[in-house]
Amino acid sequence: MKWASANPNGDACRGRRARAMADNAAMSRSASALEEGDLAGILGYPMTRATLVLERAYETSAGAVTGLHRVEYTVLALVKGNAGCTAAVLARTLGVSTPNMTLWLDRLGAKGLVARRPSPTDRRANHLHLTREGAEALRRATAAIRAAEEEALAGLSQGERLLLGELLRKVAAVKLSSG
């Protein structure tokens, strides 16, 4: 039986993942040696590469410190800034379905990081709030992210970082036409 050789602790899976991550890191280091060709004029290509750098920074910092997935961190940050919001509002904001958002909130609730309080005016809705544990996890994750981004973006001046953030917020705010 193929599965019988796998360690119940998942060592085989972790080993494959570690090798894959090392292979990806090696490819990333050599990627700059590749000719970009048609990609040179496509803005999405450097944005994707930059996203990979920042995702790696998240995983090795906040993800490692708190065990929070990037989506969980984002939801905690939005709930903190919008205490009392609903799953439907979060789902619209993040561009995911309400049932998908409910699954993420279930995970955060099971970890004791988010509390749901019934709406006094709508029996179908719950208002979301961070627990003390959620606020502490968010604080630790944010500090770790800031330090990791500082290192990842060391090649940019403070002004370039501010400009980059402003431009990315503008791009994110664009509404795609439905046509």
Foldseek 3Di string as FASTA:
>chain_A
DVCVVADPVRPVVVVVVVVVVVVVVVCLVCVVVDDCVPVVPPPVVVVVVVVVLLLVLLCVFLCVVQVDDPVLLVVLVVCAVVFFDWLCVVCVVVVHDSVVSVVSVVVCVVVQFKDWDADPVDNVTTTIHGDPVNVVSNVRSVVRSVVSVCVSVVVDDPVRVVVVVVVVVVVVPDDDDPD
